[in-house]
């Protein structure tokens, strides 16, 4: 499996390998050099059709070079490299310069992971929330967007589509309705694993490590993994699923409290203590741990997310546990004495 540093995140949210990105840059270098004959043109088309990631990479290439339409072929090619005409058109130096132009501004997979720790996300995201914070946004088309704790999205709205790129965390999307809010452009949410097309609906999307989860609260969505081999799946109100880049799991009944976080609540229904604390840990800074001997205890209740310290303070009243505080930001739940 490729490491996170070997991948790039396209503006659409799609993740491609550096190998694919480099190949696309090499093809552009050759095509703009004037050295490509009919056979090279045929091979280029075959490469584009060989994998969905190849075509996605080439679409990015066209979006970058499209911004240079005012330049003629030769000047445009010269602008792709600081080496000018003194280099052979297909030289390694020129290929490296072309790669930098095409891909230098994109985040790597490692950058995407760093967004979860807050080092990358606050600077680059169009909309973001802090740890323990829920924020509401109304987009230009009337869509209501709610960000859960430590979340970030980028917005890609143009004349043909509306695309919300989930960089990190969890969101709830409610499409705009009412007079003047009808928009013919499709609305998509893109994640590292695929895309979700809204069909006039309200739904939640959460980015996990190497998977995405979706729950539909109203109407329906269409879920499509990035891999061309994975088929799209329709998800109706009251259903949830999760998917990787290659496949979408069969729908299951959605948790009736799937949007509780948007109301500032954490709801547990006979939930394992370790799972409960892992979820609670998303809403508070620092370290929150549990002794393995009590990890399997079950907890139920509705807890206000506005005060996570208070939630921890109530645990000994409902379970045989106590909370050890090493610092204000380091707590461990252990068996009661």
C-alpha atoms as a PDB file:
ATOM      1  CA  UNK A   1       0.000   0.000   0.000  1.00  0.00           C
ATOM      2  CA  UNK A   2       1.314   3.442  -0.896  1.00  0.00           C
ATOM      3  CA  UNK A   3       2.243   5.716   1.987  1.00  0.00           C
ATOM      4  CA  UNK A   4       0.396   8.983   2.565  1.00  0.00           C
ATOM      5  CA  UNK A   5       3.402  10.883   1.254  1.00  0.00           C
ATOM      6  CA  UNK A   6       3.029   9.056  -2.066  1.00  0.00           C
ATOM      7  CA  UNK A   7      -0.420  10.508  -2.767  1.00  0.00           C
ATOM      8  CA  UNK A   8      -1.845  13.866  -3.796  1.00  0.00           C
ATOM      9  CA  UNK A   9      -5.279  15.351  -3.160  1.00  0.00           C
ATOM     10  CA  UNK A  10      -6.919  16.935  -6.204  1.00  0.00           C
ATOM     11  CA  UNK A  11      -9.147  20.031  -5.792  1.00  0.00           C
ATOM     12  CA  UNK A  12     -12.141  17.713  -6.294  1.00  0.00           C
ATOM     13  CA  UNK A  13     -11.097  15.783  -3.177  1.00  0.00           C
ATOM     14  CA  UNK A  14      -9.979  12.745  -5.152  1.00  0.00           C
ATOM     15  CA  UNK A  15      -6.732  11.109  -3.999  1.00  0.00           C
ATOM     16  CA  UNK A  16      -4.258   9.965  -6.662  1.00  0.00           C
ATOM     17  CA  UNK A  17      -0.784   8.473  -6.489  1.00  0.00           C
ATOM     18  CA  UNK A  18       2.336  10.509  -7.195  1.00  0.00           C
ATOM     19  CA  UNK A  19       3.147   7.981  -9.905  1.00  0.00           C
ATOM     20  CA  UNK A  20      -0.071   8.894 -11.714  1.00  0.00           C
ATOM     21  CA  UNK A  21       0.560  12.606 -11.198  1.00  0.00           C
ATOM     22  CA  UNK A  22       4.103  12.327 -12.549  1.00  0.00           C
ATOM     23  CA  UNK A  23       2.893  10.359 -15.580  1.00  0.00           C
ATOM     24  CA  UNK A  24       0.325  13.060 -16.390  1.00  0.00           C
ATOM     25  CA  UNK A  25       3.018  15.738 -16.143  1.00  0.00           C
ATOM     26  CA  UNK A  26       5.301  13.721 -18.420  1.00  0.00           C
ATOM     27  CA  UNK A  27       2.545  13.363 -20.991  1.00  0.00           C
ATOM     28  CA  UNK A  28       1.937  17.111 -20.937  1.00  0.00           C
ATOM     29  CA  UNK A  29       5.650  17.761 -21.352  1.00  0.00           C
ATOM     30  CA  UNK A  30       5.776  15.504 -24.409  1.00  0.00           C
ATOM     31  CA  UNK A  31       2.580  16.788 -26.017  1.00  0.00           C
ATOM     32  CA  UNK A  32       3.545  20.451 -25.684  1.00  0.00           C
ATOM     33  CA  UNK A  33       7.076  19.797 -26.946  1.00  0.00           C
ATOM     34  CA  UNK A  34       5.904  19.159 -30.488  1.00  0.00           C
ATOM     35  CA  UNK A  35       7.783  15.839 -30.498  1.00  0.00           C
ATOM     36  CA  UNK A  36       4.714  13.609 -30.126  1.00  0.00           C
ATOM     37  CA  UNK A  37       3.737  11.711 -33.252  1.00  0.00           C
ATOM     38  CA  UNK A  38       0.585   9.728 -34.007  1.00  0.00           C
ATOM     39  CA  UNK A  39       1.803   6.696 -32.030  1.00  0.00           C
ATOM     40  CA  UNK A  40       2.531   8.818 -28.939  1.00  0.00           C
ATOM     41  CA  UNK A  41      -0.903  10.441 -29.253  1.00  0.00           C
ATOM     42  CA  UNK A  42      -2.506   6.994 -29.349  1.00  0.00           C
ATOM     43  CA  UNK A  43      -0.515   5.839 -26.308  1.00  0.00           C
ATOM     44  CA  UNK A  44      -1.517   8.978 -24.421  1.00  0.00           C
ATOM     45  CA  UNK A  45      -5.198   8.290 -25.067  1.00  0.00           C
ATOM     46  CA  UNK A  46      -4.741   4.676 -23.979  1.00  0.00           C
ATOM     47  CA  UNK A  47      -3.113   5.848 -20.760  1.00  0.00           C
ATOM     48  CA  UNK A  48      -6.048   8.165 -20.019  1.00  0.00           C
ATOM     49  CA  UNK A  49      -8.551   5.364 -20.553  1.00  0.00           C
ATOM     50  CA  UNK A  50      -6.598   2.754 -18.586  1.00  0.00           C
ATOM     51  CA  UNK A  51      -7.701   3.953 -15.123  1.00  0.00           C
ATOM     52  CA  UNK A  52     -10.157   6.441 -13.657  1.00  0.00           C
ATOM     53  CA  UNK A  53      -7.302   8.076 -11.693  1.00  0.00           C
ATOM     54  CA  UNK A  54      -5.428   8.729 -14.933  1.00  0.00           C
ATOM     55  CA  UNK A  55      -8.390  10.640 -16.351  1.00  0.00           C
ATOM     56  CA  UNK A  56      -8.849  12.563 -13.097  1.00  0.00           C
ATOM     57  CA  UNK A  57      -5.183  13.580 -13.171  1.00  0.00           C
ATOM     58  CA  UNK A  58      -5.472  14.684 -16.772  1.00  0.00           C
ATOM     59  CA  UNK A  59      -8.591  16.735 -15.998  1.00  0.00           C
ATOM     60  CA  UNK A  60      -6.503  18.580 -13.410  1.00  0.00           C
ATOM     61  CA  UNK A  61      -3.781  19.126 -16.014  1.00  0.00           C
ATOM     62  CA  UNK A  62      -6.354  20.626 -18.376  1.00  0.00           C
ATOM     63  CA  UNK A  63      -7.714  22.892 -15.645  1.00  0.00           C
ATOM     64  CA  UNK A  64      -4.213  24.264 -15.003  1.00  0.00           C
ATOM     65  CA  UNK A  65      -3.241  24.677 -18.645  1.00  0.00           C
ATOM     66  CA  UNK A  66      -6.682  26.094 -19.433  1.00  0.00           C
ATOM     67  CA  UNK A  67      -5.742  29.150 -17.411  1.00  0.00           C
ATOM     68  CA  UNK A  68      -2.965  29.729 -19.967  1.00  0.00           C
ATOM     69  CA  UNK A  69      -5.289  29.854 -22.996  1.00  0.00           C
ATOM     70  CA  UNK A  70      -4.204  33.364 -23.882  1.00  0.00           C
ATOM     71  CA  UNK A  71      -0.702  32.075 -24.590  1.00  0.00           C
ATOM     72  CA  UNK A  72       0.293  30.541 -27.902  1.00  0.00           C
ATOM     73  CA  UNK A  73       1.666  26.989 -27.916  1.00  0.00           C
ATOM     74  CA  UNK A  74       5.386  27.799 -27.842  1.00  0.00           C
ATOM     75  CA  UNK A  75       5.222  30.571 -25.188  1.00  0.00           C
ATOM     76  CA  UNK A  76       2.860  28.470 -23.093  1.00  0.00           C
ATOM     77  CA  UNK A  77       5.301  25.591 -23.143  1.00  0.00           C
ATOM     78  CA  UNK A  78       8.183  27.913 -22.280  1.00  0.00           C
ATOM     79  CA  UNK A  79       6.161  29.219 -19.334  1.00  0.00           C
ATOM     80  CA  UNK A  80       5.991  25.693 -17.936  1.00  0.00           C
ATOM     81  CA  UNK A  81       9.723  25.696 -17.316  1.00  0.00           C
ATOM     82  CA  UNK A  82      12.300  28.196 -16.185  1.00  0.00           C
ATOM     83  CA  UNK A  83      14.841  26.407 -18.351  1.00  0.00           C
ATOM     84  CA  UNK A  84      13.537  27.922 -21.596  1.00  0.00           C
ATOM     85  CA  UNK A  85      14.622  26.833 -25.037  1.00  0.00           C
ATOM     86  CA  UNK A  86      18.118  25.929 -23.963  1.00  0.00           C
ATOM     87  CA  UNK A  87      16.869  22.537 -22.723  1.00  0.00           C
ATOM     88  CA  UNK A  88      15.643  19.659 -24.810  1.00  0.00           C
ATOM     89  CA  UNK A  89      11.819  19.772 -24.751  1.00  0.00           C
ATOM     90  CA  UNK A  90      11.570  16.414 -22.996  1.00  0.00           C
ATOM     91  CA  UNK A  91      14.580  16.833 -20.685  1.00  0.00           C
ATOM     92  CA  UNK A  92      14.384  15.740 -17.031  1.00  0.00           C
ATOM     93  CA  UNK A  93      14.823  19.349 -15.905  1.00  0.00           C
ATOM     94  CA  UNK A  94      11.811  20.500 -17.891  1.00  0.00           C
ATOM     95  CA  UNK A  95       9.731  17.538 -16.690  1.00  0.00           C
ATOM     96  CA  UNK A  96      10.540  18.404 -13.069  1.00  0.00           C
ATOM     97  CA  UNK A  97       9.503  22.021 -13.628  1.00  0.00           C
ATOM     98  CA  UNK A  98       6.256  20.914 -15.246  1.00  0.00           C
ATOM     99  CA  UNK A  99       5.479  18.638 -12.308  1.00  0.00           C
ATOM    100  CA  UNK A 100       6.066  21.504  -9.881  1.00  0.00           C
ATOM    101  CA  UNK A 101       3.679  23.763 -11.777  1.00  0.00           C
ATOM    102  CA  UNK A 102       0.926  21.150 -11.991  1.00  0.00           C
ATOM    103  CA  UNK A 103       1.149  19.581  -8.548  1.00  0.00           C
ATOM    104  CA  UNK A 104       3.177  21.914  -6.332  1.00  0.00           C
ATOM    105  CA  UNK A 105       0.124  23.578  -4.823  1.00  0.00           C
ATOM    106  CA  UNK A 106      -1.698  20.388  -3.879  1.00  0.00           C
ATOM    107  CA  UNK A 107      -1.750  18.802  -0.452  1.00  0.00           C
ATOM    108  CA  UNK A 108      -0.215  15.380   0.004  1.00  0.00           C
ATOM    109  CA  UNK A 109      -1.896  12.501   1.748  1.00  0.00           C
ATOM    110  CA  UNK A 110       0.328  13.278   4.701  1.00  0.00           C
ATOM    111  CA  UNK A 111      -1.047  16.815   4.606  1.00  0.00           C
ATOM    112  CA  UNK A 112      -4.572  15.438   4.766  1.00  0.00           C
ATOM    113  CA  UNK A 113      -3.694  13.439   7.864  1.00  0.00           C
ATOM    114  CA  UNK A 114      -2.041  16.480   9.380  1.00  0.00           C
ATOM    115  CA  UNK A 115      -5.326  18.333   9.023  1.00  0.00           C
ATOM    116  CA  UNK A 116      -6.746  16.112  11.751  1.00  0.00           C
ATOM    117  CA  UNK A 117      -4.174  17.483  14.156  1.00  0.00           C
ATOM    118  CA  UNK A 118      -4.904  21.089  13.255  1.00  0.00           C
ATOM    119  CA  UNK A 119      -1.533  21.927  11.703  1.00  0.00           C
ATOM    120  CA  UNK A 120      -2.745  22.235   8.109  1.00  0.00           C
ATOM    121  CA  UNK A 121      -6.506  22.635   8.185  1.00  0.00           C
ATOM    122  CA  UNK A 122      -6.889  26.060   9.890  1.00  0.00           C
ATOM    123  CA  UNK A 123      -4.751  27.771   7.286  1.00  0.00           C
ATOM    124  CA  UNK A 124      -6.210  26.395   4.065  1.00  0.00           C
ATOM    125  CA  UNK A 125      -9.838  25.341   4.592  1.00  0.00           C
ATOM    126  CA  UNK A 126     -12.702  27.540   3.370  1.00  0.00           C
ATOM    127  CA  UNK A 127     -14.856  26.545   6.360  1.00  0.00           C
ATOM    128  CA  UNK A 128     -13.546  25.043   9.590  1.00  0.00           C
ATOM    129  CA  UNK A 129     -14.372  24.368  13.219  1.00  0.00           C
ATOM    130  CA  UNK A 130     -12.235  23.994  16.320  1.00  0.00           C
ATOM    131  CA  UNK A 131     -12.082  21.121  18.770  1.00  0.00           C
ATOM    132  CA  UNK A 132     -15.390  20.855  20.618  1.00  0.00           C
ATOM    133  CA  UNK A 133     -17.048  23.378  18.309  1.00  0.00           C
ATOM    134  CA  UNK A 134     -20.028  23.071  15.950  1.00  0.00           C
ATOM    135  CA  UNK A 135     -20.411  25.792  13.315  1.00  0.00           C
ATOM    136  CA  UNK A 136     -23.188  26.597  10.838  1.00  0.00           C
ATOM    137  CA  UNK A 137     -22.746  28.091   7.372  1.00  0.00           C
ATOM    138  CA  UNK A 138     -25.275  29.071   4.704  1.00  0.00           C
ATOM    139  CA  UNK A 139     -23.759  28.665   1.231  1.00  0.00           C
ATOM    140  CA  UNK A 140     -24.448  30.839  -1.787  1.00  0.00           C
ATOM    141  CA  UNK A 141     -27.107  28.429  -3.115  1.00  0.00           C
ATOM    142  CA  UNK A 142     -29.009  28.291   0.181  1.00  0.00           C
ATOM    143  CA  UNK A 143     -27.489  24.976   1.292  1.00  0.00           C
ATOM    144  CA  UNK A 144     -27.029  24.798   5.060  1.00  0.00           C
ATOM    145  CA  UNK A 145     -23.716  23.293   6.142  1.00  0.00           C
ATOM    146  CA  UNK A 146     -22.976  22.296   9.746  1.00  0.00           C
ATOM    147  CA  UNK A 147     -19.436  21.359  10.782  1.00  0.00           C
ATOM    148  CA  UNK A 148     -18.851  19.079  13.746  1.00  0.00           C
ATOM    149  CA  UNK A 149     -15.804  19.237  16.004  1.00  0.00           C
ATOM    150  CA  UNK A 150     -12.363  19.717  14.395  1.00  0.00           C
ATOM    151  CA  UNK A 151     -13.712  19.664  10.849  1.00  0.00           C
ATOM    152  CA  UNK A 152     -12.788  21.419   7.630  1.00  0.00           C
ATOM    153  CA  UNK A 153     -14.191  21.717   4.115  1.00  0.00           C
ATOM    154  CA  UNK A 154     -13.263  23.426   0.873  1.00  0.00           C
ATOM    155  CA  UNK A 155     -15.930  24.754  -1.491  1.00  0.00           C
ATOM    156  CA  UNK A 156     -15.722  24.287  -5.280  1.00  0.00           C
ATOM    157  CA  UNK A 157     -18.743  26.048  -6.791  1.00  0.00           C
ATOM    158  CA  UNK A 158     -18.717  26.961 -10.481  1.00  0.00           C
ATOM    159  CA  UNK A 159     -21.150  27.247 -13.385  1.00  0.00           C
ATOM    160  CA  UNK A 160     -21.481  23.461 -13.771  1.00  0.00           C
ATOM    161  CA  UNK A 161     -21.483  22.014 -10.267  1.00  0.00           C
ATOM    162  CA  UNK A 162     -21.488  22.577  -6.518  1.00  0.00           C
ATOM    163  CA  UNK A 163     -18.824  20.550  -4.735  1.00  0.00           C
ATOM    164  CA  UNK A 164     -18.104  20.411  -1.006  1.00  0.00           C
ATOM    165  CA  UNK A 165     -14.730  18.794  -0.290  1.00  0.00           C
ATOM    166  CA  UNK A 166     -14.598  17.253   3.195  1.00  0.00           C
ATOM    167  CA  UNK A 167     -10.972  17.687   4.225  1.00  0.00           C
ATOM    168  CA  UNK A 168     -11.383  16.422   7.780  1.00  0.00           C
ATOM    169  CA  UNK A 169     -14.027  15.641  10.367  1.00  0.00           C
ATOM    170  CA  UNK A 170     -17.791  15.469   9.950  1.00  0.00           C
ATOM    171  CA  UNK A 171     -20.511  17.592   8.362  1.00  0.00           C
ATOM    172  CA  UNK A 172     -24.275  17.738   7.980  1.00  0.00           C
ATOM    173  CA  UNK A 173     -25.647  19.026   4.675  1.00  0.00           C
ATOM    174  CA  UNK A 174     -29.197  20.319   4.173  1.00  0.00           C
ATOM    175  CA  UNK A 175     -29.867  21.392   0.606  1.00  0.00           C
ATOM    176  CA  UNK A 176     -31.622  24.689  -0.011  1.00  0.00           C
ATOM    177  CA  UNK A 177     -35.385  24.679  -0.509  1.00  0.00           C
ATOM    178  CA  UNK A 178     -38.003  27.320  -1.075  1.00  0.00           C
ATOM    179  CA  UNK A 179     -38.640  30.183  -3.552  1.00  0.00           C
ATOM    180  CA  UNK A 180     -35.542  31.185  -5.465  1.00  0.00           C
ATOM    181  CA  UNK A 181     -33.429  28.356  -4.069  1.00  0.00           C
ATOM    182  CA  UNK A 182     -33.830  25.846  -6.908  1.00  0.00           C
ATOM    183  CA  UNK A 183     -30.406  25.212  -8.429  1.00  0.00           C
ATOM    184  CA  UNK A 184     -29.907  22.980 -11.493  1.00  0.00           C
ATOM    185  CA  UNK A 185     -26.251  22.313 -10.706  1.00  0.00           C
ATOM    186  CA  UNK A 186     -25.578  18.936  -9.035  1.00  0.00           C
ATOM    187  CA  UNK A 187     -24.412  19.084  -5.430  1.00  0.00           C
ATOM    188  CA  UNK A 188     -21.597  16.721  -4.423  1.00  0.00           C
ATOM    189  CA  UNK A 189     -19.662  16.029  -1.250  1.00  0.00           C
ATOM    190  CA  UNK A 190     -16.185  14.670  -2.031  1.00  0.00           C
ATOM    191  CA  UNK A 191     -14.036  12.744   0.448  1.00  0.00           C
ATOM    192  CA  UNK A 192     -10.764  10.828   0.195  1.00  0.00           C
ATOM    193  CA  UNK A 193     -12.689   7.663  -0.729  1.00  0.00           C
ATOM    194  CA  UNK A 194     -15.334   8.889  -3.158  1.00  0.00           C
ATOM    195  CA  UNK A 195     -18.259  11.233  -3.632  1.00  0.00           C
ATOM    196  CA  UNK A 196     -21.852  11.591  -2.439  1.00  0.00           C
ATOM    197  CA  UNK A 197     -24.403  13.187  -4.739  1.00  0.00           C
ATOM    198  CA  UNK A 198     -27.290  14.924  -3.017  1.00  0.00           C
ATOM    199  CA  UNK A 199     -30.749  14.206  -4.421  1.00  0.00           C
ATOM    200  CA  UNK A 200     -32.472  17.016  -2.541  1.00  0.00           C
ATOM    201  CA  UNK A 201     -31.834  15.882   0.978  1.00  0.00           C
ATOM    202  CA  UNK A 202     -30.337  16.184   4.466  1.00  0.00           C
ATOM    203  CA  UNK A 203     -27.443  13.890   5.351  1.00  0.00           C
ATOM    204  CA  UNK A 204     -24.254  13.545   7.387  1.00  0.00           C
ATOM    205  CA  UNK A 205     -20.780  12.596   6.148  1.00  0.00           C
ATOM    206  CA  UNK A 206     -17.787  11.677   8.300  1.00  0.00           C
ATOM    207  CA  UNK A 207     -14.192  11.165   7.183  1.00  0.00           C
ATOM    208  CA  UNK A 208     -12.471   8.272   8.968  1.00  0.00           C
ATOM    209  CA  UNK A 209      -9.033   6.800   8.330  1.00  0.00           C
ATOM    210  CA  UNK A 210      -9.306   5.190   4.856  1.00  0.00           C
ATOM    211  CA  UNK A 211     -13.132   5.138   4.886  1.00  0.00           C
ATOM    212  CA  UNK A 212     -16.124   7.463   4.781  1.00  0.00           C
ATOM    213  CA  UNK A 213     -19.457   7.018   6.551  1.00  0.00           C
ATOM    214  CA  UNK A 214     -22.772   8.483   5.364  1.00  0.00           C
ATOM    215  CA  UNK A 215     -26.196   8.651   7.028  1.00  0.00           C
ATOM    216  CA  UNK A 216     -29.281   9.950   5.211  1.00  0.00           C
ATOM    217  CA  UNK A 217     -31.820  11.840   7.316  1.00  0.00           C
ATOM    218  CA  UNK A 218     -34.154  12.969   4.507  1.00  0.00           C
ATOM    219  CA  UNK A 219     -34.686  11.980   0.849  1.00  0.00           C
ATOM    220  CA  UNK A 220     -31.704  10.154  -0.748  1.00  0.00           C
ATOM    221  CA  UNK A 221     -28.097  10.337  -1.914  1.00  0.00           C
ATOM    222  CA  UNK A 222     -25.986   8.440  -4.434  1.00  0.00           C
ATOM    223  CA  UNK A 223     -22.646   7.156  -3.131  1.00  0.00           C
ATOM    224  CA  UNK A 224     -19.788   6.462  -5.571  1.00  0.00           C
ATOM    225  CA  UNK A 225     -16.263   5.249  -4.651  1.00  0.00           C
ATOM    226  CA  UNK A 226     -13.362   6.753  -6.588  1.00  0.00           C
ATOM    227  CA  UNK A 227     -12.336   3.415  -8.079  1.00  0.00           C
ATOM    228  CA  UNK A 228     -13.976   2.745 -11.402  1.00  0.00           C
ATOM    229  CA  UNK A 229     -14.483  -0.886 -10.367  1.00  0.00           C
ATOM    230  CA  UNK A 230     -16.737   0.110  -7.467  1.00  0.00           C
ATOM    231  CA  UNK A 231     -20.396   0.626  -8.412  1.00  0.00           C
ATOM    232  CA  UNK A 232     -22.528   3.503  -7.122  1.00  0.00           C
ATOM    233  CA  UNK A 233     -25.185   2.804  -4.521  1.00  0.00           C
ATOM    234  CA  UNK A 234     -28.416   4.673  -3.747  1.00  0.00           C
ATOM    235  CA  UNK A 235     -29.006   5.429  -0.082  1.00  0.00           C
ATOM    236  CA  UNK A 236     -32.476   6.396   1.185  1.00  0.00           C
ATOM    237  CA  UNK A 237     -33.714   8.240   4.271  1.00  0.00           C
ATOM    238  CA  UNK A 238     -33.128   6.207   7.419  1.00  0.00           C
ATOM    239  CA  UNK A 239     -30.153   4.353   5.938  1.00  0.00           C
ATOM    240  CA  UNK A 240     -26.404   4.579   6.469  1.00  0.00           C
ATOM    241  CA  UNK A 241     -23.318   3.035   4.963  1.00  0.00           C
ATOM    242  CA  UNK A 242     -19.568   3.348   4.799  1.00  0.00           C
ATOM    243  CA  UNK A 243     -17.270   2.996   1.828  1.00  0.00           C
ATOM    244  CA  UNK A 244     -13.646   2.732   0.809  1.00  0.00           C
ATOM    245  CA  UNK A 245     -12.075   3.863  -2.459  1.00  0.00           C
ATOM    246  CA  UNK A 246     -13.056   0.497  -3.977  1.00  0.00           C
ATOM    247  CA  UNK A 247     -16.491  -0.467  -2.656  1.00  0.00           C
ATOM    248  CA  UNK A 248     -19.655   0.700  -0.891  1.00  0.00           C
ATOM    249  CA  UNK A 249     -21.042  -1.508   1.880  1.00  0.00           C
ATOM    250  CA  UNK A 250     -24.679  -2.593   1.864  1.00  0.00           C
ATOM    251  CA  UNK A 251     -26.990  -0.058   3.547  1.00  0.00           C
ATOM    252  CA  UNK A 252     -27.955  -0.533   7.193  1.00  0.00           C
ATOM    253  CA  UNK A 253     -30.551   1.235   9.355  1.00  0.00           C
ATOM    254  CA  UNK A 254     -29.273   4.653  10.386  1.00  0.00           C
ATOM    255  CA  UNK A 255     -28.792   5.532  14.031  1.00  0.00           C
ATOM    256  CA  UNK A 256     -31.767   7.676  15.032  1.00  0.00           C
ATOM    257  CA  UNK A 257     -29.332   9.974  16.821  1.00  0.00           C
ATOM    258  CA  UNK A 258     -27.029  10.420  13.817  1.00  0.00           C
ATOM    259  CA  UNK A 259     -27.457  14.204  13.923  1.00  0.00           C
ATOM    260  CA  UNK A 260     -27.444  14.591  17.719  1.00  0.00           C
ATOM    261  CA  UNK A 261     -24.042  16.278  17.567  1.00  0.00           C
ATOM    262  CA  UNK A 262     -25.599  19.105  15.532  1.00  0.00           C
ATOM    263  CA  UNK A 263     -27.830  19.783  18.553  1.00  0.00           C
ATOM    264  CA  UNK A 264     -24.832  19.734  20.894  1.00  0.00           C
ATOM    265  CA  UNK A 265     -25.522  16.257  22.250  1.00  0.00           C
ATOM    266  CA  UNK A 266     -23.586  13.018  22.591  1.00  0.00           C
ATOM    267  CA  UNK A 267     -26.012  10.090  22.778  1.00  0.00           C
ATOM    268  CA  UNK A 268     -25.008   6.622  24.009  1.00  0.00           C
ATOM    269  CA  UNK A 269     -27.262   3.561  23.948  1.00  0.00           C
ATOM    270  CA  UNK A 270     -25.629   0.620  25.698  1.00  0.00           C
ATOM    271  CA  UNK A 271     -22.340   1.734  24.168  1.00  0.00           C
ATOM    272  CA  UNK A 272     -19.001   0.247  25.215  1.00  0.00           C
ATOM    273  CA  UNK A 273     -17.106   2.597  27.487  1.00  0.00           C
ATOM    274  CA  UNK A 274     -13.986   2.627  25.318  1.00  0.00           C
ATOM    275  CA  UNK A 275     -16.050   3.522  22.237  1.00  0.00           C
ATOM    276  CA  UNK A 276     -17.892   6.214  24.189  1.00  0.00           C
ATOM    277  CA  UNK A 277     -14.654   7.780  25.426  1.00  0.00           C
ATOM    278  CA  UNK A 278     -13.103   7.604  21.952  1.00  0.00           C
ATOM    279  CA  UNK A 279     -16.077   9.609  20.664  1.00  0.00           C
ATOM    280  CA  UNK A 280     -15.960  12.004  23.604  1.00  0.00           C
ATOM    281  CA  UNK A 281     -12.255  12.538  22.958  1.00  0.00           C
ATOM    282  CA  UNK A 282     -13.068  14.140  19.611  1.00  0.00           C
ATOM    283  CA  UNK A 283     -14.697  17.038  21.460  1.00  0.00           C
ATOM    284  CA  UNK A 284     -11.928  17.921  23.895  1.00  0.00           C
ATOM    285  CA  UNK A 285      -8.222  18.753  23.563  1.00  0.00           C
ATOM    286  CA  UNK A 286      -5.526  16.542  25.027  1.00  0.00           C
ATOM    287  CA  UNK A 287      -5.434  12.851  25.925  1.00  0.00           C
ATOM    288  CA  UNK A 288      -8.380  10.747  27.123  1.00  0.00           C
ATOM    289  CA  UNK A 289      -7.716   7.081  27.918  1.00  0.00           C
ATOM    290  CA  UNK A 290      -9.469   4.134  29.541  1.00  0.00           C
ATOM    291  CA  UNK A 291      -8.124   1.191  31.529  1.00  0.00           C
ATOM    292  CA  UNK A 292      -8.530  -1.982  29.379  1.00  0.00           C
ATOM    293  CA  UNK A 293     -10.097  -3.828  32.338  1.00  0.00           C
ATOM    294  CA  UNK A 294     -13.205  -1.624  32.206  1.00  0.00           C
ATOM    295  CA  UNK A 295     -13.281  -0.906  28.462  1.00  0.00           C
ATOM    296  CA  UNK A 296     -16.241  -3.242  27.970  1.00  0.00           C
ATOM    297  CA  UNK A 297     -18.562  -1.585  30.495  1.00  0.00           C
ATOM    298  CA  UNK A 298     -21.782  -0.289  28.924  1.00  0.00           C
ATOM    299  CA  UNK A 299     -23.116   3.248  29.176  1.00  0.00           C
ATOM    300  CA  UNK A 300     -26.356   4.955  28.126  1.00  0.00           C
ATOM    301  CA  UNK A 301     -27.483   8.557  28.277  1.00  0.00           C
ATOM    302  CA  UNK A 302     -27.720  11.943  26.591  1.00  0.00           C
ATOM    303  CA  UNK A 303     -24.738  14.169  27.383  1.00  0.00           C
ATOM    304  CA  UNK A 304     -24.254  17.894  26.622  1.00  0.00           C
ATOM    305  CA  UNK A 305     -21.140  18.432  24.532  1.00  0.00           C
ATOM    306  CA  UNK A 306     -20.702  21.991  25.756  1.00  0.00           C
ATOM    307  CA  UNK A 307     -18.952  20.721  28.917  1.00  0.00           C
ATOM    308  CA  UNK A 308     -16.911  17.548  28.435  1.00  0.00           C
ATOM    309  CA  UNK A 309     -15.335  17.853  31.890  1.00  0.00           C
ATOM    310  CA  UNK A 310     -18.824  17.590  33.342  1.00  0.00           C
ATOM    311  CA  UNK A 311     -19.460  14.429  31.350  1.00  0.00           C
ATOM    312  CA  UNK A 312     -16.329  12.854  32.817  1.00  0.00           C
ATOM    313  CA  UNK A 313     -17.334  13.993  36.293  1.00  0.00           C
ATOM    314  CA  UNK A 314     -20.683  12.154  35.999  1.00  0.00           C
ATOM    315  CA  UNK A 315     -19.146   8.802  35.020  1.00  0.00           C
ATOM    316  CA  UNK A 316     -18.518   7.586  38.622  1.00  0.00           C
ATOM    317  CA  UNK A 317     -22.220   8.110  39.390  1.00  0.00           C
ATOM    318  CA  UNK A 318     -23.339   5.681  36.690  1.00  0.00           C
ATOM    319  CA  UNK A 319     -20.410   3.246  36.428  1.00  0.00           C
ATOM    320  CA  UNK A 320     -17.898   1.668  38.855  1.00  0.00           C
ATOM    321  CA  UNK A 321     -15.102   3.930  37.633  1.00  0.00           C
ATOM    322  CA  UNK A 322     -13.120   6.996  38.603  1.00  0.00           C
ATOM    323  CA  UNK A 323     -11.194   9.582  36.615  1.00  0.00           C
ATOM    324  CA  UNK A 324      -7.476  10.107  37.154  1.00  0.00           C
ATOM    325  CA  UNK A 325      -6.235  13.539  36.079  1.00  0.00           C
ATOM    326  CA  UNK A 326      -2.549  13.813  35.215  1.00  0.00           C
ATOM    327  CA  UNK A 327      -3.063  17.359  33.929  1.00  0.00           C
ATOM    328  CA  UNK A 328      -6.112  19.321  32.838  1.00  0.00           C
ATOM    329  CA  UNK A 329      -5.648  17.863  29.351  1.00  0.00           C
ATOM    330  CA  UNK A 330      -4.687  14.291  30.281  1.00  0.00           C
ATOM    331  CA  UNK A 331      -7.340  12.069  31.886  1.00  0.00           C
ATOM    332  CA  UNK A 332      -7.594   8.306  32.339  1.00  0.00           C
ATOM    333  CA  UNK A 333     -10.771   6.463  33.347  1.00  0.00           C
ATOM    334  CA  UNK A 334      -9.833   3.594  35.683  1.00  0.00           C
ATOM    335  CA  UNK A 335     -11.702   1.087  37.917  1.00  0.00           C
ATOM    336  CA  UNK A 336     -13.217   2.497  41.070  1.00  0.00           C
ATOM    337  CA  UNK A 337     -11.265   1.767  44.234  1.00  0.00           C
END
